[in-house]
């Protein structure tokens, strides 16, 4: 089976992607498997640009077909923020997910509820010496002030999927891999990956 490099060091993302891509006829490779330690500056103006920066850096370093994603939480009451800066909502590079959730709730304090929001994910796939391919996914929901659940990361504990009454962090891995923005983007990329890895 051909190798596919997942260009992330985020263990939460790794678990999600490995589960979604389990049936793909490919050998999933992580940067740590190759001893790759790259810190990619995500200074793109779009999710696609950031995902491409990561995919290109890891593909060039490894010579492998590489998949990277960039995702963000967009809150209507904050005009789409934090968006591209979801992971960098706080300037402190040592800020935790809990710190970022607390800051988001501070920004929403006093704004009328419900706090409608959605998660967006863009996946970029790079084949060495070839072009970039993309897939996208969106998951609608709303922000709630009380954290619920322990299965997720990032903003998952305060992101409610209202139609099922659970936060993203209350979903099982199986549920999340059908509903999340990343799951939808990676699933949309599977037919493309099957073709690219077969060539």
N, C-alpha and C. Protein backbone atom coordinates (compact mmCIF):
# COMPACT_ATOMS: atom_id res chain seq x y z
N UNK A 1 0.84 -1.20 0.00
CA UNK A 1 0.00 0.00 0.00
C UNK A 1 0.87 1.25 0.00
N UNK A 2 0.42 2.26 -0.74
CA UNK A 2 1.17 3.51 -0.80
C UNK A 2 1.01 4.28 0.51
N UNK A 3 2.05 5.02 0.90
CA UNK A 3 1.96 5.81 2.13
C UNK A 3 1.23 7.13 1.91
N UNK A 4 0.51 7.56 2.92
CA UNK A 4 -0.12 8.87 2.95
C UNK A 4 0.30 9.54 4.24
N UNK A 5 0.96 10.68 4.13
CA UNK A 5 1.43 11.40 5.31
C UNK A 5 0.34 12.34 5.82
N UNK A 6 -0.01 12.22 7.10
CA UNK A 6 -0.94 13.14 7.74
C UNK A 6 -0.13 14.25 8.39
N UNK A 7 -0.22 15.44 7.84
CA UNK A 7 0.67 16.53 8.26
C UNK A 7 0.12 17.25 9.49
N UNK A 8 0.13 16.55 10.61
CA UNK A 8 -0.28 17.18 11.86
C UNK A 8 0.41 16.50 13.03
N UNK A 9 0.65 17.28 14.08
CA UNK A 9 1.18 16.74 15.33
C UNK A 9 0.12 16.78 16.42
N UNK A 10 -1.10 17.21 16.04
CA UNK A 10 -2.20 17.31 16.99
C UNK A 10 -2.82 15.92 17.17
N UNK A 11 -2.68 15.35 18.36
CA UNK A 11 -3.12 13.97 18.59
C UNK A 11 -4.63 13.81 18.44
N UNK A 12 -5.38 14.87 18.74
CA UNK A 12 -6.82 14.80 18.54
C UNK A 12 -7.16 14.64 17.07
N UNK A 13 -6.51 15.44 16.22
CA UNK A 13 -6.73 15.34 14.78
C UNK A 13 -6.28 13.97 14.26
N UNK A 14 -5.13 13.51 14.75
CA UNK A 14 -4.58 12.22 14.30
C UNK A 14 -5.59 11.11 14.52
N UNK A 15 -6.17 11.05 15.73
CA UNK A 15 -7.14 10.00 16.05
C UNK A 15 -8.35 10.06 15.13
N UNK A 16 -8.86 11.29 14.91
CA UNK A 16 -10.02 11.46 14.04
C UNK A 16 -9.70 11.00 12.62
N UNK A 17 -8.58 11.48 12.07
CA UNK A 17 -8.24 11.15 10.69
C UNK A 17 -7.96 9.65 10.51
N UNK A 18 -7.28 9.05 11.47
CA UNK A 18 -6.98 7.62 11.36
C UNK A 18 -8.26 6.81 11.32
N UNK A 19 -9.25 7.21 12.13
CA UNK A 19 -10.52 6.48 12.15
C UNK A 19 -11.28 6.66 10.84
N UNK A 20 -11.31 7.89 10.33
CA UNK A 20 -12.06 8.17 9.09
C UNK A 20 -11.42 7.49 7.88
N UNK A 21 -10.07 7.43 7.88
CA UNK A 21 -9.35 6.90 6.72
C UNK A 21 -8.98 5.42 6.88
N UNK A 22 -9.56 4.77 7.88
CA UNK A 22 -9.18 3.38 8.17
C UNK A 22 -9.38 2.45 6.97
N UNK A 23 -10.41 2.69 6.18
CA UNK A 23 -10.70 1.81 5.04
C UNK A 23 -9.95 2.20 3.77
N UNK A 24 -9.23 3.31 3.82
CA UNK A 24 -8.49 3.76 2.64
C UNK A 24 -7.34 2.79 2.35
N UNK A 25 -7.17 2.38 1.10
CA UNK A 25 -6.07 1.46 0.77
C UNK A 25 -4.73 2.20 0.75
N UNK A 26 -4.31 2.61 1.93
CA UNK A 26 -3.04 3.35 2.05
C UNK A 26 -2.46 3.08 3.43
N UNK A 27 -1.17 3.29 3.55
CA UNK A 27 -0.50 3.18 4.85
C UNK A 27 -0.37 4.59 5.41
N UNK A 28 -1.09 4.85 6.50
CA UNK A 28 -1.08 6.18 7.09
C UNK A 28 0.21 6.40 7.88
N UNK A 29 0.89 7.50 7.56
CA UNK A 29 2.18 7.81 8.16
C UNK A 29 2.06 9.14 8.91
N UNK A 30 2.67 9.22 10.08
CA UNK A 30 2.70 10.45 10.86
C UNK A 30 4.08 11.09 10.78
N UNK A 31 4.16 12.41 10.98
CA UNK A 31 5.48 13.06 10.97
C UNK A 31 6.47 12.40 11.94
N UNK A 32 5.97 11.97 13.10
CA UNK A 32 6.84 11.33 14.09
C UNK A 32 7.42 10.02 13.59
N UNK A 33 6.68 9.32 12.70
CA UNK A 33 7.19 8.07 12.12
C UNK A 33 8.44 8.32 11.29
N UNK A 34 8.52 9.54 10.74
CA UNK A 34 9.64 9.88 9.84
C UNK A 34 10.68 10.76 10.54
N UNK A 35 10.45 11.05 11.80
CA UNK A 35 11.36 11.95 12.52
C UNK A 35 11.25 13.39 12.05
N UNK A 36 10.09 13.74 11.47
CA UNK A 36 9.90 15.11 10.96
C UNK A 36 9.40 16.02 12.06
N UNK A 37 10.10 17.10 12.30
CA UNK A 37 9.67 18.10 13.28
C UNK A 37 9.65 19.46 12.60
N UNK A 38 8.54 19.75 11.94
CA UNK A 38 8.42 21.02 11.22
C UNK A 38 7.45 21.93 11.95
N UNK A 39 7.82 23.18 12.09
CA UNK A 39 6.92 24.21 12.61
C UNK A 39 6.57 25.12 11.44
N UNK A 40 5.39 24.95 10.90
CA UNK A 40 4.97 25.72 9.72
C UNK A 40 4.25 26.98 10.17
N UNK A 41 4.70 28.12 9.67
CA UNK A 41 4.04 29.39 9.98
C UNK A 41 2.76 29.48 9.15
N UNK A 42 1.63 29.53 9.85
CA UNK A 42 0.34 29.57 9.15
C UNK A 42 -0.09 31.02 8.98
N UNK A 43 0.47 31.67 7.96
CA UNK A 43 0.18 33.09 7.75
C UNK A 43 -0.65 33.33 6.50
N UNK A 44 -1.36 32.29 6.05
CA UNK A 44 -2.25 32.44 4.90
C UNK A 44 -3.47 33.28 5.24
N UNK A 45 -4.16 33.73 4.21
CA UNK A 45 -5.35 34.56 4.39
C UNK A 45 -6.64 33.74 4.35
N UNK A 46 -6.51 32.43 4.04
CA UNK A 46 -7.67 31.55 3.97
C UNK A 46 -7.31 30.20 4.58
N UNK A 47 -8.34 29.41 4.87
CA UNK A 47 -8.10 28.05 5.37
C UNK A 47 -7.32 27.25 4.33
N UNK A 48 -7.68 27.43 3.06
CA UNK A 48 -7.01 26.68 1.99
C UNK A 48 -5.53 27.03 1.92
N UNK A 49 -5.21 28.31 2.08
CA UNK A 49 -3.80 28.72 2.04
C UNK A 49 -3.02 28.11 3.20
N UNK A 50 -3.59 28.13 4.39
CA UNK A 50 -2.90 27.55 5.55
C UNK A 50 -2.72 26.05 5.42
N UNK A 51 -3.78 25.36 4.95
CA UNK A 51 -3.69 23.91 4.76
C UNK A 51 -2.62 23.59 3.71
N UNK A 52 -2.54 24.42 2.66
CA UNK A 52 -1.55 24.21 1.60
C UNK A 52 -0.13 24.41 2.12
N UNK A 53 0.05 25.44 2.94
CA UNK A 53 1.38 25.69 3.52
C UNK A 53 1.87 24.46 4.29
N UNK A 54 0.98 23.87 5.09
CA UNK A 54 1.36 22.69 5.88
C UNK A 54 1.61 21.49 4.98
N UNK A 55 0.69 21.25 4.05
CA UNK A 55 0.82 20.08 3.18
C UNK A 55 2.10 20.17 2.34
N UNK A 56 2.38 21.37 1.80
CA UNK A 56 3.55 21.53 0.95
C UNK A 56 4.85 21.32 1.74
N UNK A 57 4.93 21.89 2.93
CA UNK A 57 6.14 21.77 3.74
C UNK A 57 6.42 20.30 4.07
N UNK A 58 5.38 19.57 4.48
CA UNK A 58 5.58 18.18 4.86
C UNK A 58 5.81 17.29 3.65
N UNK A 59 5.17 17.61 2.53
CA UNK A 59 5.37 16.82 1.31
C UNK A 59 6.79 17.00 0.78
N UNK A 60 7.27 18.25 0.81
CA UNK A 60 8.64 18.51 0.34
C UNK A 60 9.67 17.83 1.22
N UNK A 61 9.40 17.78 2.52
CA UNK A 61 10.35 17.18 3.45
C UNK A 61 10.34 15.65 3.38
N UNK A 62 9.20 15.08 2.98
CA UNK A 62 9.06 13.62 3.01
C UNK A 62 9.05 12.96 1.63
N UNK A 63 8.66 13.73 0.59
CA UNK A 63 8.50 13.15 -0.74
C UNK A 63 7.25 12.30 -0.88
N UNK A 64 6.32 12.43 0.09
CA UNK A 64 5.11 11.61 0.08
C UNK A 64 3.86 12.41 -0.27
N UNK A 65 2.84 11.70 -0.75
CA UNK A 65 1.51 12.31 -0.85
C UNK A 65 1.12 12.72 0.57
N UNK A 66 0.69 13.98 0.73
CA UNK A 66 0.48 14.53 2.06
C UNK A 66 -0.89 15.19 2.17
N UNK A 67 -1.53 14.94 3.31
CA UNK A 67 -2.82 15.56 3.61
C UNK A 67 -2.66 16.45 4.84
N UNK A 68 -3.12 17.69 4.71
CA UNK A 68 -3.12 18.62 5.84
C UNK A 68 -4.48 19.30 5.88
N UNK A 69 -4.85 19.79 7.05
CA UNK A 69 -6.10 20.52 7.13
C UNK A 69 -5.91 21.81 7.90
N UNK A 70 -6.81 22.73 7.67
CA UNK A 70 -6.89 23.91 8.52
C UNK A 70 -8.36 24.12 8.83
N UNK A 71 -8.64 24.42 10.05
CA UNK A 71 -10.03 24.55 10.45
C UNK A 71 -10.18 25.68 11.44
N UNK A 72 -11.42 26.10 11.61
CA UNK A 72 -11.67 27.19 12.54
C UNK A 72 -13.12 27.25 12.94
N UNK A 73 -13.36 27.95 14.02
CA UNK A 73 -14.70 28.19 14.53
C UNK A 73 -15.11 29.61 14.15
N UNK A 74 -16.26 29.76 13.52
CA UNK A 74 -16.75 31.08 13.12
C UNK A 74 -18.05 31.37 13.86
N UNK A 75 -18.04 32.43 14.67
CA UNK A 75 -19.19 32.78 15.50
C UNK A 75 -19.89 33.99 14.91
N UNK A 76 -21.19 33.84 14.63
CA UNK A 76 -21.93 34.92 13.97
C UNK A 76 -21.88 36.23 14.75
N UNK A 77 -22.06 36.16 16.08
CA UNK A 77 -22.12 37.37 16.90
C UNK A 77 -20.78 38.09 16.96
N UNK A 78 -19.70 37.39 16.54
CA UNK A 78 -18.36 38.01 16.53
C UNK A 78 -17.90 38.25 15.09
N UNK A 79 -18.87 38.33 14.17
CA UNK A 79 -18.58 38.59 12.75
C UNK A 79 -17.60 37.57 12.16
N UNK A 80 -17.78 36.32 12.58
CA UNK A 80 -16.96 35.25 12.00
C UNK A 80 -15.69 34.93 12.78
N UNK A 81 -15.40 35.70 13.81
CA UNK A 81 -14.24 35.38 14.64
C UNK A 81 -14.55 34.17 15.52
N UNK A 82 -13.53 33.43 15.99
CA UNK A 82 -12.10 33.63 15.75
C UNK A 82 -11.60 33.13 14.39
N UNK A 83 -12.39 32.32 13.68
CA UNK A 83 -12.06 31.94 12.31
C UNK A 83 -10.67 31.38 12.14
N UNK A 84 -9.92 31.98 11.22
CA UNK A 84 -8.56 31.52 10.93
C UNK A 84 -7.66 31.55 12.16
N UNK A 85 -8.02 32.36 13.13
CA UNK A 85 -7.17 32.53 14.31
C UNK A 85 -7.70 31.74 15.51
N UNK A 86 -8.50 30.70 15.24
CA UNK A 86 -9.12 29.94 16.33
C UNK A 86 -8.09 29.39 17.31
N UNK A 87 -6.98 28.88 16.77
CA UNK A 87 -5.96 28.31 17.66
C UNK A 87 -5.08 29.41 18.25
N UNK A 88 -5.12 30.59 17.64
CA UNK A 88 -4.27 31.69 18.09
C UNK A 88 -5.11 32.84 18.65
N UNK A 89 -6.25 32.48 19.27
CA UNK A 89 -7.14 33.50 19.82
C UNK A 89 -6.44 34.30 20.91
N UNK A 90 -5.52 33.65 21.61
CA UNK A 90 -4.71 34.33 22.62
C UNK A 90 -3.27 34.44 22.11
N UNK A 91 -2.63 35.54 22.41
CA UNK A 91 -1.26 35.75 21.93
C UNK A 91 -0.26 34.81 22.60
N UNK A 92 -0.57 34.35 23.79
CA UNK A 92 0.33 33.48 24.54
C UNK A 92 0.47 32.13 23.84
N UNK A 93 1.67 31.77 23.36
CA UNK A 93 1.85 30.50 22.67
C UNK A 93 1.62 29.29 23.58
N UNK A 94 1.66 29.51 24.89
CA UNK A 94 1.44 28.42 25.84
C UNK A 94 0.00 28.33 26.33
N UNK A 95 -0.89 29.14 25.73
CA UNK A 95 -2.30 29.12 26.14
C UNK A 95 -2.89 27.73 25.87
N UNK A 96 -3.75 27.30 26.76
CA UNK A 96 -4.38 25.99 26.63
C UNK A 96 -5.71 26.11 25.90
N UNK A 97 -6.28 24.97 25.52
CA UNK A 97 -7.62 24.97 24.92
C UNK A 97 -8.62 25.61 25.88
N UNK A 98 -8.49 25.31 27.17
CA UNK A 98 -9.40 25.88 28.17
C UNK A 98 -9.27 27.40 28.23
N UNK A 99 -8.05 27.90 28.10
CA UNK A 99 -7.82 29.35 28.08
C UNK A 99 -8.54 29.99 26.89
N UNK A 100 -8.45 29.34 25.74
CA UNK A 100 -9.08 29.89 24.53
C UNK A 100 -10.61 29.85 24.66
N UNK A 101 -11.14 28.78 25.24
CA UNK A 101 -12.59 28.71 25.42
C UNK A 101 -13.07 29.82 26.37
N UNK A 102 -12.31 30.03 27.43
CA UNK A 102 -12.67 31.09 28.39
C UNK A 102 -12.65 32.47 27.72
N UNK A 103 -11.66 32.71 26.89
CA UNK A 103 -11.55 34.00 26.20
C UNK A 103 -12.72 34.18 25.22
N UNK A 104 -13.09 33.12 24.51
CA UNK A 104 -14.22 33.21 23.58
C UNK A 104 -15.49 33.58 24.32
N UNK A 105 -15.73 32.95 25.47
CA UNK A 105 -16.93 33.25 26.25
C UNK A 105 -16.90 34.67 26.79
N UNK A 106 -15.71 35.18 27.11
CA UNK A 106 -15.58 36.59 27.52
C UNK A 106 -16.02 37.51 26.40
N UNK A 107 -15.58 37.21 25.17
CA UNK A 107 -15.92 38.04 24.02
C UNK A 107 -17.42 38.02 23.74
N UNK A 108 -18.07 36.90 24.06
CA UNK A 108 -19.51 36.76 23.79
C UNK A 108 -20.38 37.30 24.92
N UNK A 109 -19.77 37.56 26.06
CA UNK A 109 -20.53 38.03 27.22
C UNK A 109 -21.33 39.29 26.87
N UNK A 110 -22.63 39.24 27.17
CA UNK A 110 -23.48 40.39 26.92
C UNK A 110 -24.13 40.40 25.55
N UNK A 111 -23.67 39.53 24.65
CA UNK A 111 -24.27 39.46 23.31
C UNK A 111 -25.50 38.54 23.36
N UNK A 112 -26.55 38.88 22.60
CA UNK A 112 -27.79 38.09 22.68
C UNK A 112 -27.58 36.64 22.23
N UNK A 113 -28.27 35.74 22.94
CA UNK A 113 -28.21 34.31 22.60
C UNK A 113 -29.41 33.96 21.72
N UNK A 114 -29.38 32.86 20.96
CA UNK A 114 -28.27 31.88 20.90
C UNK A 114 -27.08 32.42 20.12
N UNK A 115 -25.89 31.92 20.49
CA UNK A 115 -24.66 32.31 19.81
C UNK A 115 -24.40 31.34 18.67
N UNK A 116 -25.03 31.60 17.53
CA UNK A 116 -24.91 30.72 16.37
C UNK A 116 -23.46 30.70 15.86
N UNK A 117 -23.03 29.54 15.42
CA UNK A 117 -21.64 29.39 14.97
C UNK A 117 -21.54 28.19 14.05
N UNK A 118 -20.41 28.06 13.40
CA UNK A 118 -20.14 26.83 12.66
C UNK A 118 -18.64 26.58 12.63
N UNK A 119 -18.30 25.31 12.56
CA UNK A 119 -16.92 24.90 12.34
C UNK A 119 -16.72 24.71 10.84
N UNK A 120 -15.57 25.17 10.34
CA UNK A 120 -15.21 24.94 8.94
C UNK A 120 -13.87 24.23 8.87
N UNK A 121 -13.73 23.35 7.89
CA UNK A 121 -12.46 22.67 7.66
C UNK A 121 -12.17 22.60 6.17
N UNK A 122 -10.95 22.94 5.79
CA UNK A 122 -10.47 22.72 4.43
C UNK A 122 -9.29 21.75 4.48
N UNK A 123 -9.37 20.72 3.67
CA UNK A 123 -8.30 19.73 3.55
C UNK A 123 -7.53 20.02 2.27
N UNK A 124 -6.21 20.00 2.36
CA UNK A 124 -5.35 20.13 1.17
C UNK A 124 -4.55 18.84 1.02
N UNK A 125 -4.50 18.34 -0.21
CA UNK A 125 -3.72 17.14 -0.52
C UNK A 125 -2.70 17.50 -1.58
N UNK A 126 -1.45 17.19 -1.30
CA UNK A 126 -0.39 17.49 -2.26
C UNK A 126 0.29 16.19 -2.68
N UNK A 127 0.39 16.03 -3.99
CA UNK A 127 1.19 14.95 -4.57
C UNK A 127 2.51 15.58 -4.99
N UNK A 128 3.65 15.01 -4.58
CA UNK A 128 4.93 15.62 -4.95
C UNK A 128 5.01 15.91 -6.45
N UNK A 129 5.54 17.08 -6.78
CA UNK A 129 5.67 17.55 -8.16
C UNK A 129 4.32 17.62 -8.89
N UNK A 130 3.26 17.84 -8.13
CA UNK A 130 1.93 17.94 -8.75
C UNK A 130 1.18 19.09 -8.10
N UNK A 131 -0.07 19.26 -8.51
CA UNK A 131 -0.85 20.37 -7.97
C UNK A 131 -1.46 20.01 -6.61
N UNK A 132 -2.21 20.97 -6.07
CA UNK A 132 -2.88 20.79 -4.78
C UNK A 132 -4.36 20.49 -5.04
N UNK A 133 -4.90 19.59 -4.25
CA UNK A 133 -6.32 19.23 -4.35
C UNK A 133 -6.99 19.58 -3.02
N UNK A 134 -8.28 19.96 -3.09
CA UNK A 134 -8.96 20.43 -1.88
C UNK A 134 -10.29 19.73 -1.66
N UNK A 135 -10.70 19.69 -0.39
CA UNK A 135 -12.04 19.26 0.00
C UNK A 135 -12.43 20.07 1.23
N UNK A 136 -13.73 20.28 1.41
CA UNK A 136 -14.19 21.13 2.51
C UNK A 136 -15.34 20.49 3.28
N UNK A 137 -15.52 20.94 4.51
CA UNK A 137 -16.64 20.49 5.32
C UNK A 137 -17.05 21.56 6.31
N UNK A 138 -18.35 21.63 6.60
CA UNK A 138 -18.88 22.59 7.58
C UNK A 138 -19.82 21.87 8.54
N UNK A 139 -19.82 22.32 9.78
CA UNK A 139 -20.72 21.77 10.79
C UNK A 139 -21.37 22.92 11.56
N UNK A 140 -22.70 23.09 11.44
CA UNK A 140 -23.38 24.18 12.13
C UNK A 140 -23.68 23.84 13.58
N UNK A 141 -23.77 24.87 14.41
CA UNK A 141 -24.10 24.66 15.81
C UNK A 141 -24.23 25.99 16.52
N UNK A 142 -24.02 25.97 17.83
CA UNK A 142 -24.04 27.22 18.61
C UNK A 142 -23.12 27.07 19.82
N UNK A 143 -22.66 28.21 20.30
CA UNK A 143 -21.78 28.22 21.48
C UNK A 143 -22.65 28.29 22.73
N UNK A 144 -22.29 27.48 23.73
CA UNK A 144 -22.99 27.52 25.01
C UNK A 144 -21.99 27.89 26.11
N UNK A 145 -22.47 28.50 27.21
CA UNK A 145 -21.54 28.99 28.23
C UNK A 145 -20.99 27.91 29.16
N UNK A 146 -21.66 26.76 29.25
CA UNK A 146 -21.18 25.71 30.15
C UNK A 146 -20.50 24.61 29.35
N UNK A 147 -19.31 24.20 29.79
CA UNK A 147 -18.60 23.12 29.11
C UNK A 147 -19.29 21.78 29.40
N UNK A 148 -19.39 20.97 28.35
CA UNK A 148 -20.00 19.65 28.49
C UNK A 148 -19.21 18.63 27.67
N UNK A 149 -18.90 17.51 28.29
CA UNK A 149 -18.24 16.42 27.57
C UNK A 149 -16.73 16.45 27.70
N UNK A 150 -16.12 15.30 27.47
CA UNK A 150 -14.67 15.17 27.62
C UNK A 150 -14.01 14.44 26.45
N UNK A 151 -14.75 14.24 25.36
CA UNK A 151 -14.21 13.46 24.24
C UNK A 151 -13.50 14.31 23.19
N UNK A 152 -13.64 15.62 23.26
CA UNK A 152 -13.10 16.44 22.19
C UNK A 152 -11.89 17.24 22.61
N UNK A 153 -11.56 18.23 21.79
CA UNK A 153 -10.46 19.15 22.09
C UNK A 153 -10.84 20.50 21.52
N UNK A 154 -10.00 21.49 21.75
CA UNK A 154 -10.30 22.83 21.22
C UNK A 154 -11.60 23.38 21.81
N UNK A 155 -12.49 23.83 20.93
CA UNK A 155 -13.75 24.44 21.37
C UNK A 155 -14.88 23.42 21.50
N UNK A 156 -14.58 22.15 21.30
CA UNK A 156 -15.62 21.11 21.29
C UNK A 156 -16.55 21.13 22.50
N UNK A 157 -16.04 21.34 23.75
CA UNK A 157 -16.95 21.27 24.91
C UNK A 157 -17.99 22.38 24.98
N UNK A 158 -17.82 23.47 24.22
CA UNK A 158 -18.82 24.56 24.26
C UNK A 158 -19.51 24.72 22.91
N UNK A 159 -19.32 23.76 22.00
CA UNK A 159 -19.97 23.82 20.68
C UNK A 159 -21.10 22.81 20.66
N UNK A 160 -22.34 23.32 20.69
CA UNK A 160 -23.53 22.47 20.76
C UNK A 160 -24.10 22.20 19.38
N UNK A 161 -24.30 20.92 19.08
CA UNK A 161 -25.03 20.53 17.88
C UNK A 161 -26.49 20.44 18.31
N UNK A 162 -27.22 21.54 18.11
CA UNK A 162 -28.55 21.69 18.72
C UNK A 162 -29.51 20.58 18.31
N UNK A 163 -29.41 20.12 17.07
CA UNK A 163 -30.40 19.15 16.58
C UNK A 163 -30.25 17.77 17.23
N UNK A 164 -29.10 17.50 17.87
CA UNK A 164 -28.99 16.24 18.61
C UNK A 164 -28.78 16.47 20.10
N UNK A 165 -28.70 17.74 20.51
CA UNK A 165 -28.62 18.05 21.92
C UNK A 165 -27.33 17.67 22.59
N UNK A 166 -26.25 17.55 21.81
CA UNK A 166 -24.95 17.20 22.38
C UNK A 166 -23.90 18.21 21.93
N UNK A 167 -22.91 18.43 22.79
CA UNK A 167 -21.76 19.20 22.33
C UNK A 167 -20.85 18.28 21.52
N UNK A 168 -19.94 18.88 20.79
CA UNK A 168 -18.98 18.08 20.01
C UNK A 168 -18.17 17.17 20.92
N UNK A 169 -17.95 17.62 22.17
CA UNK A 169 -17.15 16.82 23.11
C UNK A 169 -17.95 15.70 23.77
N UNK A 170 -19.28 15.70 23.56
CA UNK A 170 -20.11 14.63 24.10
C UNK A 170 -20.34 13.52 23.07
N UNK A 171 -19.91 13.74 21.84
CA UNK A 171 -20.09 12.73 20.80
C UNK A 171 -19.10 11.59 20.99
N UNK A 172 -19.52 10.38 20.63
CA UNK A 172 -18.56 9.29 20.55
C UNK A 172 -17.69 9.53 19.33
N UNK A 173 -16.55 8.84 19.25
CA UNK A 173 -15.69 9.00 18.08
C UNK A 173 -16.45 8.62 16.80
N UNK A 174 -17.28 7.60 16.89
CA UNK A 174 -18.05 7.17 15.72
C UNK A 174 -19.02 8.26 15.28
N UNK A 175 -19.70 8.89 16.25
CA UNK A 175 -20.63 9.98 15.91
C UNK A 175 -19.86 11.17 15.31
N UNK A 176 -18.74 11.52 15.96
CA UNK A 176 -17.97 12.67 15.49
C UNK A 176 -17.47 12.45 14.07
N UNK A 177 -17.12 11.21 13.75
CA UNK A 177 -16.58 10.91 12.43
C UNK A 177 -17.66 10.84 11.35
N UNK A 178 -18.89 11.13 11.71
CA UNK A 178 -19.96 11.29 10.72
C UNK A 178 -20.43 12.74 10.62
N UNK A 179 -20.21 13.50 11.71
CA UNK A 179 -20.84 14.82 11.80
C UNK A 179 -19.90 16.00 11.76
N UNK A 180 -18.65 15.83 12.19
CA UNK A 180 -17.78 16.99 12.37
C UNK A 180 -17.34 17.59 11.03
N UNK A 181 -16.94 18.85 11.09
CA UNK A 181 -16.43 19.56 9.91
C UNK A 181 -15.23 18.84 9.32
N UNK A 182 -14.34 18.34 10.19
CA UNK A 182 -13.14 17.65 9.71
C UNK A 182 -13.52 16.31 9.07
N UNK A 183 -14.46 15.62 9.72
CA UNK A 183 -14.91 14.34 9.17
C UNK A 183 -15.51 14.53 7.78
N UNK A 184 -16.34 15.56 7.64
CA UNK A 184 -16.99 15.80 6.35
C UNK A 184 -15.97 16.17 5.27
N UNK A 185 -14.97 16.97 5.65
CA UNK A 185 -13.94 17.36 4.68
C UNK A 185 -13.08 16.16 4.28
N UNK A 186 -12.67 15.35 5.27
CA UNK A 186 -11.83 14.19 4.98
C UNK A 186 -12.62 13.16 4.19
N UNK A 187 -13.89 12.95 4.56
CA UNK A 187 -14.73 12.01 3.80
C UNK A 187 -14.87 12.47 2.34
N UNK A 188 -15.04 13.78 2.16
CA UNK A 188 -15.16 14.31 0.80
C UNK A 188 -13.87 14.10 0.01
N UNK A 189 -12.74 14.00 0.72
CA UNK A 189 -11.44 13.82 0.06
C UNK A 189 -11.14 12.36 -0.28
N UNK A 190 -11.89 11.42 0.29
CA UNK A 190 -11.56 10.00 0.11
C UNK A 190 -11.56 9.55 -1.35
N UNK A 191 -12.60 9.87 -2.16
CA UNK A 191 -12.55 9.45 -3.56
C UNK A 191 -11.32 9.99 -4.30
N UNK A 192 -10.96 11.23 -3.97
CA UNK A 192 -9.77 11.86 -4.55
C UNK A 192 -8.50 11.13 -4.12
N UNK A 193 -8.42 10.82 -2.82
CA UNK A 193 -7.24 10.10 -2.31
C UNK A 193 -7.13 8.73 -2.95
N UNK A 194 -8.24 8.05 -3.11
CA UNK A 194 -8.22 6.72 -3.73
C UNK A 194 -7.63 6.80 -5.14
N UNK A 195 -8.03 7.84 -5.88
CA UNK A 195 -7.53 8.01 -7.24
C UNK A 195 -6.05 8.38 -7.25
N UNK A 196 -5.67 9.33 -6.37
CA UNK A 196 -4.28 9.80 -6.36
C UNK A 196 -3.32 8.70 -5.90
N UNK A 197 -3.75 7.91 -4.94
CA UNK A 197 -2.88 6.85 -4.41
C UNK A 197 -2.83 5.63 -5.32
N UNK A 198 -3.80 5.55 -6.24
CA UNK A 198 -3.81 4.42 -7.18
C UNK A 198 -2.91 4.70 -8.37
N UNK A 199 -2.70 5.99 -8.67
CA UNK A 199 -1.89 6.36 -9.86
C UNK A 199 -0.43 5.92 -9.71
